[in-house]
PDB file of N, CA and C in Angstrom:
ATOM      1  N   UNK A   1     -42.754  28.049 -46.786  1.00  0.00           N
ATOM      2  CA  UNK A   1     -42.603  28.728 -45.484  1.00  0.00           C
ATOM      3  C   UNK A   1     -41.650  27.860 -44.487  1.00  0.00           C
ATOM      4  N   UNK A   2     -41.850  26.594 -44.714  1.00  0.00           N
ATOM      5  CA  UNK A   2     -40.987  25.770 -43.839  1.00  0.00           C
ATOM      6  C   UNK A   2     -39.451  25.958 -44.060  1.00  0.00           C
ATOM      7  N   UNK A   3     -39.039  25.986 -45.280  1.00  0.00           N
ATOM      8  CA  UNK A   3     -37.731  26.208 -45.638  1.00  0.00           C
ATOM      9  C   UNK A   3     -37.102  27.526 -45.016  1.00  0.00           C
ATOM     10  N   UNK A   4     -38.128  28.611 -44.949  1.00  0.00           N
ATOM     11  CA  UNK A   4     -37.647  29.821 -44.459  1.00  0.00           C
ATOM     12  C   UNK A   4     -37.410  29.744 -42.955  1.00  0.00           C
ATOM     13  N   UNK A   5     -38.294  29.085 -42.204  1.00  0.00           N
ATOM     14  CA  UNK A   5     -38.055  28.969 -40.716  1.00  0.00           C
ATOM     15  C   UNK A   5     -36.889  28.087 -40.547  1.00  0.00           C
ATOM     16  N   UNK A   6     -36.600  27.086 -41.314  1.00  0.00           N
ATOM     17  CA  UNK A   6     -35.344  26.271 -41.184  1.00  0.00           C
ATOM     18  C   UNK A   6     -34.113  27.026 -41.415  1.00  0.00           C
ATOM     19  N   UNK A   7     -34.239  27.958 -42.383  1.00  0.00           N
ATOM     20  CA  UNK A   7     -33.087  28.843 -42.635  1.00  0.00           C
ATOM     21  C   UNK A   7     -32.928  29.783 -41.521  1.00  0.00           C
ATOM     22  N   UNK A   8     -33.781  30.449 -40.978  1.00  0.00           N
ATOM     23  CA  UNK A   8     -33.791  31.327 -39.857  1.00  0.00           C
ATOM     24  C   UNK A   8     -33.198  30.563 -38.572  1.00  0.00           C
ATOM     25  N   UNK A   9     -33.605  29.319 -38.384  1.00  0.00           N
ATOM     26  CA  UNK A   9     -33.139  28.550 -37.203  1.00  0.00           C
ATOM     27  C   UNK A   9     -31.615  28.311 -37.437  1.00  0.00           C
ATOM     28  N   UNK A  10     -31.250  27.942 -38.594  1.00  0.00           N
ATOM     29  CA  UNK A  10     -29.817  27.676 -38.980  1.00  0.00           C
ATOM     30  C   UNK A  10     -28.973  28.904 -38.733  1.00  0.00           C
ATOM     31  N   UNK A  11     -29.554  30.118 -39.247  1.00  0.00           N
ATOM     32  CA  UNK A  11     -28.819  31.263 -39.030  1.00  0.00           C
ATOM     33  C   UNK A  11     -28.616  31.573 -37.512  1.00  0.00           C
ATOM     34  N   UNK A  12     -29.691  31.410 -36.804  1.00  0.00           N
ATOM     35  CA  UNK A  12     -29.662  31.640 -35.357  1.00  0.00           C
ATOM     36  C   UNK A  12     -28.578  30.717 -34.711  1.00  0.00           C
ATOM     37  N   UNK A  13     -28.597  29.544 -35.006  1.00  0.00           N
ATOM     38  CA  UNK A  13     -27.632  28.589 -34.494  1.00  0.00           C
ATOM     39  C   UNK A  13     -26.197  29.063 -34.852  1.00  0.00           C
ATOM     40  N   UNK A  14     -25.980  29.386 -35.981  1.00  0.00           N
ATOM     41  CA  UNK A  14     -24.600  29.826 -36.454  1.00  0.00           C
ATOM     42  C   UNK A  14     -24.203  31.047 -35.799  1.00  0.00           C
ATOM     43  N   UNK A  15     -25.057  31.996 -35.443  1.00  0.00           N
ATOM     44  CA  UNK A  15     -24.727  33.196 -34.738  1.00  0.00           C
ATOM     45  C   UNK A  15     -24.435  32.946 -33.369  1.00  0.00           C
ATOM     46  N   UNK A  16     -25.209  31.966 -32.646  1.00  0.00           N
ATOM     47  CA  UNK A  16     -25.050  31.579 -31.361  1.00  0.00           C
ATOM     48  C   UNK A  16     -23.801  30.783 -31.103  1.00  0.00           C
ATOM     49  N   UNK A  17     -23.357  30.021 -32.138  1.00  0.00           N
ATOM     50  CA  UNK A  17     -22.048  29.239 -32.043  1.00  0.00           C
ATOM     51  C   UNK A  17     -20.854  30.354 -32.091  1.00  0.00           C
ATOM     52  N   UNK A  18     -21.002  31.399 -32.917  1.00  0.00           N
ATOM     53  CA  UNK A  18     -19.859  32.388 -33.015  1.00  0.00           C
ATOM     54  C   UNK A  18     -19.911  33.206 -31.624  1.00  0.00           C
ATOM     55  N   UNK A  19     -21.067  33.477 -31.025  1.00  0.00           N
ATOM     56  CA  UNK A  19     -21.183  34.184 -29.913  1.00  0.00           C
ATOM     57  C   UNK A  19     -20.403  33.481 -28.609  1.00  0.00           C
ATOM     58  N   UNK A  20     -20.586  32.195 -28.651  1.00  0.00           N
ATOM     59  CA  UNK A  20     -20.058  31.443 -27.471  1.00  0.00           C
ATOM     60  C   UNK A  20     -18.699  30.952 -27.829  1.00  0.00           C
ATOM     61  N   UNK A  21     -18.243  30.559 -28.942  1.00  0.00           N
ATOM     62  CA  UNK A  21     -16.957  30.021 -29.177  1.00  0.00           C
ATOM     63  C   UNK A  21     -16.081  30.658 -30.295  1.00  0.00           C
ATOM     64  N   UNK A  22     -16.643  31.515 -31.118  1.00  0.00           N
ATOM     65  CA  UNK A  22     -15.803  32.064 -32.141  1.00  0.00           C
ATOM     66  C   UNK A  22     -14.949  33.149 -31.683  1.00  0.00           C
ATOM     67  N   UNK A  23     -14.310  33.790 -32.679  1.00  0.00           N
ATOM     68  CA  UNK A  23     -13.568  34.990 -32.507  1.00  0.00           C
ATOM     69  C   UNK A  23     -14.326  36.103 -31.819  1.00  0.00           C
ATOM     70  N   UNK A  24     -13.936  36.585 -30.652  1.00  0.00           N
ATOM     71  CA  UNK A  24     -14.591  37.657 -29.995  1.00  0.00           C
ATOM     72  C   UNK A  24     -15.792  37.113 -29.186  1.00  0.00           C
ATOM     73  N   UNK A  25     -15.607  35.953 -28.872  1.00  0.00           N
ATOM     74  CA  UNK A  25     -16.763  35.243 -28.067  1.00  0.00           C
ATOM     75  C   UNK A  25     -16.864  35.791 -26.648  1.00  0.00           C
ATOM     76  N   UNK A  26     -17.907  35.563 -25.956  1.00  0.00           N
ATOM     77  CA  UNK A  26     -17.989  36.003 -24.593  1.00  0.00           C
ATOM     78  C   UNK A  26     -16.849  35.575 -23.607  1.00  0.00           C
ATOM     79  N   UNK A  27     -16.497  34.335 -23.772  1.00  0.00           N
ATOM     80  CA  UNK A  27     -15.408  33.817 -22.958  1.00  0.00           C
ATOM     81  C   UNK A  27     -14.008  34.582 -23.262  1.00  0.00           C
ATOM     82  N   UNK A  28     -13.824  34.846 -24.476  1.00  0.00           N
ATOM     83  CA  UNK A  28     -12.623  35.623 -25.004  1.00  0.00           C
ATOM     84  C   UNK A  28     -12.626  37.047 -24.482  1.00  0.00           C
ATOM     85  N   UNK A  29     -13.831  37.643 -24.456  1.00  0.00           N
ATOM     86  CA  UNK A  29     -13.934  38.945 -24.038  1.00  0.00           C
ATOM     87  C   UNK A  29     -13.710  38.988 -22.485  1.00  0.00           C
ATOM     88  N   UNK A  30     -14.279  38.089 -21.769  1.00  0.00           N
ATOM     89  CA  UNK A  30     -14.055  38.062 -20.306  1.00  0.00           C
ATOM     90  C   UNK A  30     -12.561  37.857 -19.942  1.00  0.00           C
ATOM     91  N   UNK A  31     -11.877  36.995 -20.715  1.00  0.00           N
ATOM     92  CA  UNK A  31     -10.469  36.675 -20.512  1.00  0.00           C
ATOM     93  C   UNK A  31      -9.695  38.010 -20.657  1.00  0.00           C
ATOM     94  N   UNK A  32     -10.009  38.718 -21.759  1.00  0.00           N
ATOM     95  CA  UNK A  32      -9.378  40.056 -22.103  1.00  0.00           C
ATOM     96  C   UNK A  32      -9.651  41.157 -21.076  1.00  0.00           C
ATOM     97  N   UNK A  33     -10.878  41.085 -20.468  1.00  0.00           N
ATOM     98  CA  UNK A  33     -11.126  42.031 -19.421  1.00  0.00           C
ATOM     99  C   UNK A  33     -10.258  41.720 -18.200  1.00  0.00           C
ATOM    100  N   UNK A  34     -10.106  40.392 -17.862  1.00  0.00           N
ATOM    101  CA  UNK A  34      -9.295  40.021 -16.793  1.00  0.00           C
ATOM    102  C   UNK A  34      -7.882  40.371 -16.912  1.00  0.00           C
ATOM    103  N   UNK A  35      -7.307  40.236 -18.108  1.00  0.00           N
ATOM    104  CA  UNK A  35      -5.990  40.564 -18.428  1.00  0.00           C
ATOM    105  C   UNK A  35      -5.853  42.024 -18.355  1.00  0.00           C
ATOM    106  N   UNK A  36      -6.766  42.806 -18.666  1.00  0.00           N
ATOM    107  CA  UNK A  36      -6.674  44.176 -18.662  1.00  0.00           C
ATOM    108  C   UNK A  36      -6.733  44.687 -17.204  1.00  0.00           C
ATOM    109  N   UNK A  37      -7.602  44.148 -16.428  1.00  0.00           N
ATOM    110  CA  UNK A  37      -7.485  44.454 -14.995  1.00  0.00           C
ATOM    111  C   UNK A  37      -6.159  44.136 -14.391  1.00  0.00           C
ATOM    112  N   UNK A  38      -5.644  43.008 -14.690  1.00  0.00           N
ATOM    113  CA  UNK A  38      -4.260  42.751 -14.125  1.00  0.00           C
ATOM    114  C   UNK A  38      -3.250  43.670 -14.615  1.00  0.00           C
ATOM    115  N   UNK A  39      -3.288  44.028 -15.922  1.00  0.00           N
ATOM    116  CA  UNK A  39      -2.298  45.150 -16.336  1.00  0.00           C
ATOM    117  C   UNK A  39      -2.579  46.370 -15.659  1.00  0.00           C
ATOM    118  N   UNK A  40      -3.762  46.788 -15.423  1.00  0.00           N
ATOM    119  CA  UNK A  40      -4.177  48.063 -14.683  1.00  0.00           C
ATOM    120  C   UNK A  40      -3.542  47.975 -13.257  1.00  0.00           C
ATOM    121  N   UNK A  41      -3.646  46.923 -12.608  1.00  0.00           N
ATOM    122  CA  UNK A  41      -3.089  46.780 -11.289  1.00  0.00           C
ATOM    123  C   UNK A  41      -1.554  46.836 -11.298  1.00  0.00           C
ATOM    124  N   UNK A  42      -0.953  46.222 -12.203  1.00  0.00           N
ATOM    125  CA  UNK A  42       0.502  46.327 -12.273  1.00  0.00           C
ATOM    126  C   UNK A  42       0.985  47.730 -12.612  1.00  0.00           C
ATOM    127  N   UNK A  43       0.179  48.464 -13.481  1.00  0.00           N
ATOM    128  CA  UNK A  43       0.510  49.709 -13.841  1.00  0.00           C
ATOM    129  C   UNK A  43       0.380  50.740 -12.570  1.00  0.00           C
ATOM    130  N   UNK A  44      -0.592  50.532 -11.890  1.00  0.00           N
ATOM    131  CA  UNK A  44      -0.612  51.288 -10.554  1.00  0.00           C
ATOM    132  C   UNK A  44       0.482  51.014  -9.705  1.00  0.00           C
ATOM    133  N   UNK A  45       0.939  49.831  -9.473  1.00  0.00           N
ATOM    134  CA  UNK A  45       2.055  49.481  -8.678  1.00  0.00           C
ATOM    135  C   UNK A  45       3.358  50.238  -9.156  1.00  0.00           C
ATOM    136  N   UNK A  46       3.547  50.113 -10.516  1.00  0.00           N
ATOM    137  CA  UNK A  46       4.690  50.685 -11.156  1.00  0.00           C
ATOM    138  C   UNK A  46       4.737  52.191 -11.036  1.00  0.00           C
ATOM    139  N   UNK A  47       3.533  52.858 -11.108  1.00  0.00           N
ATOM    140  CA  UNK A  47       3.432  54.259 -11.081  1.00  0.00           C
ATOM    141  C   UNK A  47       3.778  54.692  -9.556  1.00  0.00           C
ATOM    142  N   UNK A  48       3.381  53.953  -8.610  1.00  0.00           N
ATOM    143  CA  UNK A  48       3.841  54.289  -7.187  1.00  0.00           C
ATOM    144  C   UNK A  48       5.295  54.126  -7.073  1.00  0.00           C
ATOM    145  N   UNK A  49       5.768  53.005  -7.553  1.00  0.00           N
ATOM    146  CA  UNK A  49       7.251  52.839  -7.506  1.00  0.00           C
ATOM    147  C   UNK A  49       8.026  53.974  -8.142  1.00  0.00           C
ATOM    148  N   UNK A  50       7.516  54.415  -9.312  1.00  0.00           N
ATOM    149  CA  UNK A  50       8.132  55.560  -9.994  1.00  0.00           C
ATOM    150  C   UNK A  50       8.249  56.874  -9.236  1.00  0.00           C
ATOM    151  N   UNK A  51       6.933  57.050  -8.492  1.00  0.00           N
ATOM    152  CA  UNK A  51       6.922  58.292  -7.679  1.00  0.00           C
ATOM    153  C   UNK A  51       7.888  58.149  -6.600  1.00  0.00           C
ATOM    154  N   UNK A  52       8.093  56.991  -5.939  1.00  0.00           N
ATOM    155  CA  UNK A  52       9.043  56.924  -4.833  1.00  0.00           C
ATOM    156  C   UNK A  52      10.444  57.314  -5.422  1.00  0.00           C
ATOM    157  N   UNK A  53      10.819  56.550  -6.543  1.00  0.00           N
ATOM    158  CA  UNK A  53      12.067  56.790  -7.170  1.00  0.00           C
ATOM    159  C   UNK A  53      12.350  58.247  -7.666  1.00  0.00           C
ATOM    160  N   UNK A  54      11.339  58.837  -8.069  1.00  0.00           N
ATOM    161  CA  UNK A  54      11.331  60.326  -8.466  1.00  0.00           C
ATOM    162  C   UNK A  54      11.737  61.205  -7.221  1.00  0.00           C
ATOM    163  N   UNK A  55      10.979  60.859  -6.167  1.00  0.00           N
ATOM    164  CA  UNK A  55      11.313  61.650  -4.966  1.00  0.00           C
ATOM    165  C   UNK A  55      12.664  61.456  -4.496  1.00  0.00           C
ATOM    166  N   UNK A  56      13.201  60.147  -4.490  1.00  0.00           N
ATOM    167  CA  UNK A  56      14.527  59.956  -4.100  1.00  0.00           C
ATOM    168  C   UNK A  56      15.583  60.515  -5.062  1.00  0.00           C
ATOM    169  N   UNK A  57      15.311  60.616  -6.383  1.00  0.00           N
ATOM    170  CA  UNK A  57      16.181  61.308  -7.335  1.00  0.00           C
ATOM    171  C   UNK A  57      16.295  62.875  -6.943  1.00  0.00           C
ATOM    172  N   UNK A  58      15.090  63.414  -6.732  1.00  0.00           N
ATOM    173  CA  UNK A  58      15.035  64.875  -6.312  1.00  0.00           C
ATOM    174  C   UNK A  58      15.758  65.143  -5.078  1.00  0.00           C
ATOM    175  N   UNK A  59      15.646  64.210  -4.031  1.00  0.00           N
ATOM    176  CA  UNK A  59      16.320  64.412  -2.910  1.00  0.00           C
ATOM    177  C   UNK A  59      17.780  64.372  -3.003  1.00  0.00           C
ATOM    178  N   UNK A  60      18.289  63.439  -3.858  1.00  0.00           N
ATOM    179  CA  UNK A  60      19.731  63.331  -4.150  1.00  0.00           C
ATOM    180  C   UNK A  60      20.273  64.422  -4.839  1.00  0.00           C
ATOM    181  N   UNK A  61      19.407  65.013  -5.770  1.00  0.00           N
ATOM    182  CA  UNK A  61      19.970  66.204  -6.537  1.00  0.00           C
ATOM    183  C   UNK A  61      20.012  67.453  -5.684  1.00  0.00           C
ATOM    184  N   UNK A  62      19.062  67.635  -4.768  1.00  0.00           N
ATOM    185  CA  UNK A  62      19.003  68.869  -3.907  1.00  0.00           C
ATOM    186  C   UNK A  62      19.859  68.944  -2.791  1.00  0.00           C
ATOM    187  N   UNK A  63      19.917  67.866  -2.091  1.00  0.00           N
ATOM    188  CA  UNK A  63      20.686  67.938  -0.828  1.00  0.00           C
ATOM    189  C   UNK A  63      21.715  66.776  -0.785  1.00  0.00           C
ATOM    190  N   UNK A  64      22.733  67.087   0.262  1.00  0.00           N
ATOM    191  CA  UNK A  64      23.803  66.092   0.438  1.00  0.00           C
ATOM    192  C   UNK A  64      23.467  65.301   1.580  1.00  0.00           C
ATOM    193  N   UNK A  65      22.360  65.594   2.325  1.00  0.00           N
ATOM    194  CA  UNK A  65      22.111  64.697   3.515  1.00  0.00           C
ATOM    195  C   UNK A  65      21.682  63.379   3.012  1.00  0.00           C
ATOM    196  N   UNK A  66      20.866  63.187   2.010  1.00  0.00           N
ATOM    197  CA  UNK A  66      20.505  61.952   1.595  1.00  0.00           C
ATOM    198  C   UNK A  66      21.598  61.173   0.991  1.00  0.00           C
ATOM    199  N   UNK A  67      22.594  61.887   0.330  1.00  0.00           N
ATOM    200  CA  UNK A  67      23.693  61.223  -0.237  1.00  0.00           C
ATOM    201  C   UNK A  67      24.574  60.684   0.901  1.00  0.00           C
ATOM    202  N   UNK A  68      24.805  61.629   2.088  1.00  0.00           N
ATOM    203  CA  UNK A  68      25.639  61.232   3.049  1.00  0.00           C
ATOM    204  C   UNK A  68      25.016  59.884   3.786  1.00  0.00           C
ATOM    205  N   UNK A  69      23.740  60.047   4.038  1.00  0.00           N
ATOM    206  CA  UNK A  69      22.989  58.852   4.557  1.00  0.00           C
ATOM    207  C   UNK A  69      23.286  57.560   3.784  1.00  0.00           C
ATOM    208  N   UNK A  70      23.083  57.629   2.686  1.00  0.00           N
ATOM    209  CA  UNK A  70      23.225  56.468   1.693  1.00  0.00           C
ATOM    210  C   UNK A  70      24.649  55.871   1.760  1.00  0.00           C
ATOM    211  N   UNK A  71      25.674  56.795   1.740  1.00  0.00           N
ATOM    212  CA  UNK A  71      27.098  56.434   1.803  1.00  0.00           C
ATOM    213  C   UNK A  71      27.358  55.789   3.207  1.00  0.00           C
ATOM    214  N   UNK A  72      26.773  56.210   4.308  1.00  0.00           N
ATOM    215  CA  UNK A  72      27.047  55.683   5.601  1.00  0.00           C
ATOM    216  C   UNK A  72      26.318  54.338   5.678  1.00  0.00           C
ATOM    217  N   UNK A  73      25.004  54.179   5.236  1.00  0.00           N
ATOM    218  CA  UNK A  73      24.407  53.046   5.541  1.00  0.00           C
ATOM    219  C   UNK A  73      24.708  51.758   4.445  1.00  0.00           C
ATOM    220  N   UNK A  74      24.865  52.250   3.164  1.00  0.00           N
ATOM    221  CA  UNK A  74      25.099  51.179   2.211  1.00  0.00           C
ATOM    222  C   UNK A  74      26.667  50.927   2.008  1.00  0.00           C
ATOM    223  N   UNK A  75      27.467  51.921   2.186  1.00  0.00           N
ATOM    224  CA  UNK A  75      28.903  51.689   1.826  1.00  0.00           C
ATOM    225  C   UNK A  75      29.780  51.721   3.163  1.00  0.00           C
ATOM    226  N   UNK A  76      29.221  51.981   4.281  1.00  0.00           N
ATOM    227  CA  UNK A  76      29.796  51.967   5.658  1.00  0.00           C
ATOM    228  C   UNK A  76      30.865  53.025   5.701  1.00  0.00           C
ATOM    229  N   UNK A  77      30.699  54.273   5.012  1.00  0.00           N
ATOM    230  CA  UNK A  77      31.659  55.220   4.998  1.00  0.00           C
ATOM    231  C   UNK A  77      31.487  56.172   6.325  1.00  0.00           C
ATOM    232  N   UNK A  78      32.557  56.723   6.752  1.00  0.00           N
ATOM    233  CA  UNK A  78      32.575  57.672   7.933  1.00  0.00           C
ATOM    234  C   UNK A  78      33.213  58.978   7.576  1.00  0.00           C
ATOM    235  N   UNK A  79      32.974  60.021   8.301  1.00  0.00           N
ATOM    236  CA  UNK A  79      33.634  61.260   8.129  1.00  0.00           C
ATOM    237  C   UNK A  79      35.023  61.261   8.597  1.00  0.00           C
ATOM    238  N   UNK A  80      35.779  62.265   8.144  1.00  0.00           N
ATOM    239  CA  UNK A  80      37.170  62.472   8.814  1.00  0.00           C
ATOM    240  C   UNK A  80      36.971  62.903  10.111  1.00  0.00           C
ATOM    241  N   UNK A  81      37.821  62.247  11.029  1.00  0.00           N
ATOM    242  CA  UNK A  81      37.782  62.725  12.435  1.00  0.00           C
ATOM    243  C   UNK A  81      36.678  62.011  13.236  1.00  0.00           C
ATOM    244  N   UNK A  82      35.819  61.231  12.610  1.00  0.00           N
ATOM    245  CA  UNK A  82      34.900  60.416  13.441  1.00  0.00           C
ATOM    246  C   UNK A  82      35.606  59.136  13.915  1.00  0.00           C
ATOM    247  N   UNK A  83      35.053  58.560  14.955  1.00  0.00           N
ATOM    248  CA  UNK A  83      35.515  57.422  15.509  1.00  0.00           C
ATOM    249  C   UNK A  83      34.495  56.404  15.255  1.00  0.00           C
ATOM    250  N   UNK A  84      34.815  55.182  14.584  1.00  0.00           N
ATOM    251  CA  UNK A  84      33.908  54.129  14.347  1.00  0.00           C
ATOM    252  C   UNK A  84      34.080  53.088  15.467  1.00  0.00           C
ATOM    253  N   UNK A  85      33.038  52.863  16.150  1.00  0.00           N
ATOM    254  CA  UNK A  85      32.968  51.816  17.136  1.00  0.00           C
ATOM    255  C   UNK A  85      31.967  50.698  16.793  1.00  0.00           C
ATOM    256  N   UNK A  86      32.526  49.456  16.804  1.00  0.00           N
ATOM    257  CA  UNK A  86      31.612  48.280  16.444  1.00  0.00           C
ATOM    258  C   UNK A  86      31.446  47.520  17.676  1.00  0.00           C
ATOM    259  N   UNK A  87      30.267  47.273  18.106  1.00  0.00           N
ATOM    260  CA  UNK A  87      29.973  46.493  19.314  1.00  0.00           C
ATOM    261  C   UNK A  87      29.550  45.083  18.908  1.00  0.00           C
ATOM    262  N   UNK A  88      30.342  44.129  19.415  1.00  0.00           N
ATOM    263  CA  UNK A  88      30.141  42.658  19.012  1.00  0.00           C
ATOM    264  C   UNK A  88      29.682  42.087  20.424  1.00  0.00           C
ATOM    265  N   UNK A  89      28.461  41.589  20.324  1.00  0.00           N
ATOM    266  CA  UNK A  89      27.942  41.006  21.463  1.00  0.00           C
ATOM    267  C   UNK A  89      28.471  39.472  21.556  1.00  0.00           C
ATOM    268  N   UNK A  90      28.695  39.045  22.926  1.00  0.00           N
ATOM    269  CA  UNK A  90      29.040  37.656  23.071  1.00  0.00           C
ATOM    270  C   UNK A  90      27.928  36.767  23.114  1.00  0.00           C
ATOM    271  N   UNK A  91      27.960  35.596  22.600  1.00  0.00           N
ATOM    272  CA  UNK A  91      26.769  34.641  22.512  1.00  0.00           C
ATOM    273  C   UNK A  91      26.416  34.339  24.032  1.00  0.00           C
ATOM    274  N   UNK A  92      25.248  34.045  24.244  1.00  0.00           N
ATOM    275  CA  UNK A  92      24.806  33.592  25.552  1.00  0.00           C
ATOM    276  C   UNK A  92      25.020  32.036  25.747  1.00  0.00           C
ATOM    277  N   UNK A  93      25.183  31.576  26.908  1.00  0.00           N
ATOM    278  CA  UNK A  93      25.561  30.161  27.096  1.00  0.00           C
ATOM    279  C   UNK A  93      24.580  29.168  26.616  1.00  0.00           C
ATOM    280  N   UNK A  94      23.263  29.628  26.708  1.00  0.00           N
ATOM    281  CA  UNK A  94      22.122  28.728  26.359  1.00  0.00           C
ATOM    282  C   UNK A  94      22.068  28.478  24.867  1.00  0.00           C
ATOM    283  N   UNK A  95      22.394  29.517  24.058  1.00  0.00           N
ATOM    284  CA  UNK A  95      22.247  29.340  22.645  1.00  0.00           C
ATOM    285  C   UNK A  95      23.685  29.720  22.065  1.00  0.00           C
ATOM    286  N   UNK A  96      24.464  28.921  21.608  1.00  0.00           N
ATOM    287  CA  UNK A  96      25.797  29.110  21.024  1.00  0.00           C
ATOM    288  C   UNK A  96      25.506  29.853  19.626  1.00  0.00           C
ATOM    289  N   UNK A  97      26.355  30.784  19.422  1.00  0.00           N
ATOM    290  CA  UNK A  97      26.316  31.540  18.099  1.00  0.00           C
ATOM    291  C   UNK A  97      26.585  30.588  16.963  1.00  0.00           C
ATOM    292  N   UNK A  98      25.951  30.909  15.970  1.00  0.00           N
ATOM    293  CA  UNK A  98      26.084  30.076  14.731  1.00  0.00           C
ATOM    294  C   UNK A  98      27.603  30.293  14.124  1.00  0.00           C
ATOM    295  N   UNK A  99      28.282  29.253  13.771  1.00  0.00           N
ATOM    296  CA  UNK A  99      29.557  29.400  13.163  1.00  0.00           C
ATOM    297  C   UNK A  99      30.730  29.314  14.233  1.00  0.00           C
ATOM    298  N   UNK A 100      30.367  29.079  15.578  1.00  0.00           N
ATOM    299  CA  UNK A 100      31.401  28.948  16.442  1.00  0.00           C
ATOM    300  C   UNK A 100      31.672  27.474  16.593  1.00  0.00           C
ATOM    301  N   UNK A 101      32.831  27.183  16.917  1.00  0.00           N
ATOM    302  CA  UNK A 101      33.128  25.711  17.160  1.00  0.00           C
ATOM    303  C   UNK A 101      33.238  25.433  18.661  1.00  0.00           C
ATOM    304  N   UNK A 102      32.658  24.237  18.971  1.00  0.00           N
ATOM    305  CA  UNK A 102      32.645  23.884  20.386  1.00  0.00           C
ATOM    306  C   UNK A 102      33.481  22.557  20.418  1.00  0.00           C
ATOM    307  N   UNK A 103      34.535  22.882  21.323  1.00  0.00           N
ATOM    308  CA  UNK A 103      35.477  21.758  21.457  1.00  0.00           C
ATOM    309  C   UNK A 103      35.046  20.710  22.485  1.00  0.00           C
ATOM    310  N   UNK A 104      35.110  19.438  22.220  1.00  0.00           N
ATOM    311  CA  UNK A 104      34.507  18.415  23.238  1.00  0.00           C
ATOM    312  C   UNK A 104      35.428  18.438  24.364  1.00  0.00           C
ATOM    313  N   UNK A 105      34.918  18.063  25.519  1.00  0.00           N
ATOM    314  CA  UNK A 105      35.580  17.948  26.819  1.00  0.00           C
ATOM    315  C   UNK A 105      36.675  16.847  26.726  1.00  0.00           C
ATOM    316  N   UNK A 106      37.677  16.881  27.278  1.00  0.00           N
ATOM    317  CA  UNK A 106      38.807  15.827  27.307  1.00  0.00           C
ATOM    318  C   UNK A 106      38.252  14.577  27.871  1.00  0.00           C
ATOM    319  N   UNK A 107      38.797  13.482  27.650  1.00  0.00           N
ATOM    320  CA  UNK A 107      38.268  12.142  27.905  1.00  0.00           C
ATOM    321  C   UNK A 107      38.157  12.033  29.465  1.00  0.00           C
ATOM    322  N   UNK A 108      39.055  12.530  30.243  1.00  0.00           N
ATOM    323  CA  UNK A 108      39.074  12.313  31.635  1.00  0.00           C
ATOM    324  C   UNK A 108      38.340  13.398  32.408  1.00  0.00           C
ATOM    325  N   UNK A 109      37.887  14.321  31.624  1.00  0.00           N
ATOM    326  CA  UNK A 109      37.139  15.508  32.453  1.00  0.00           C
ATOM    327  C   UNK A 109      35.907  14.957  33.115  1.00  0.00           C
ATOM    328  N   UNK A 110      35.571  15.329  34.285  1.00  0.00           N
ATOM    329  CA  UNK A 110      34.441  15.016  35.060  1.00  0.00           C
ATOM    330  C   UNK A 110      34.602  13.814  35.870  1.00  0.00           C
ATOM    331  N   UNK A 111      35.759  13.045  35.747  1.00  0.00           N
ATOM    332  CA  UNK A 111      35.982  11.966  36.612  1.00  0.00           C
ATOM    333  C   UNK A 111      36.858  12.487  38.000  1.00  0.00           C
ATOM    334  N   UNK A 112      36.598  11.837  38.957  1.00  0.00           N
ATOM    335  CA  UNK A 112      37.371  12.148  40.216  1.00  0.00           C
ATOM    336  C   UNK A 112      38.515  11.105  40.261  1.00  0.00           C
ATOM    337  N   UNK A 113      39.772  11.687  40.583  1.00  0.00           N
ATOM    338  CA  UNK A 113      40.949  10.774  40.700  1.00  0.00           C
ATOM    339  C   UNK A 113      40.927   9.833  41.813  1.00  0.00           C
TER     340      UNK A 113
END
């Protein structure tokens, strides 16, 4: 009877070892669940992106307004007969614009003769 109890104890330890560290262990199952959740999240983001792209494609196929808007904003195109005006603001005195050269004052500037 003693050897039977020892055999059962050995079998229990072997099964516990497989449960915690072997192939298909609890830690591996949890890692796979985490990976699955991450993939589901990514899939939802991609589905949302696909819906936006599909709406944009339908809009481009059905109407010229979206095409015209895209040509104006991305390519800088204008219609015939339109006048293009570009407003360039001058930099303020307190903050010089980046890329502008400031010339140093002449050596005698600021002295009284």
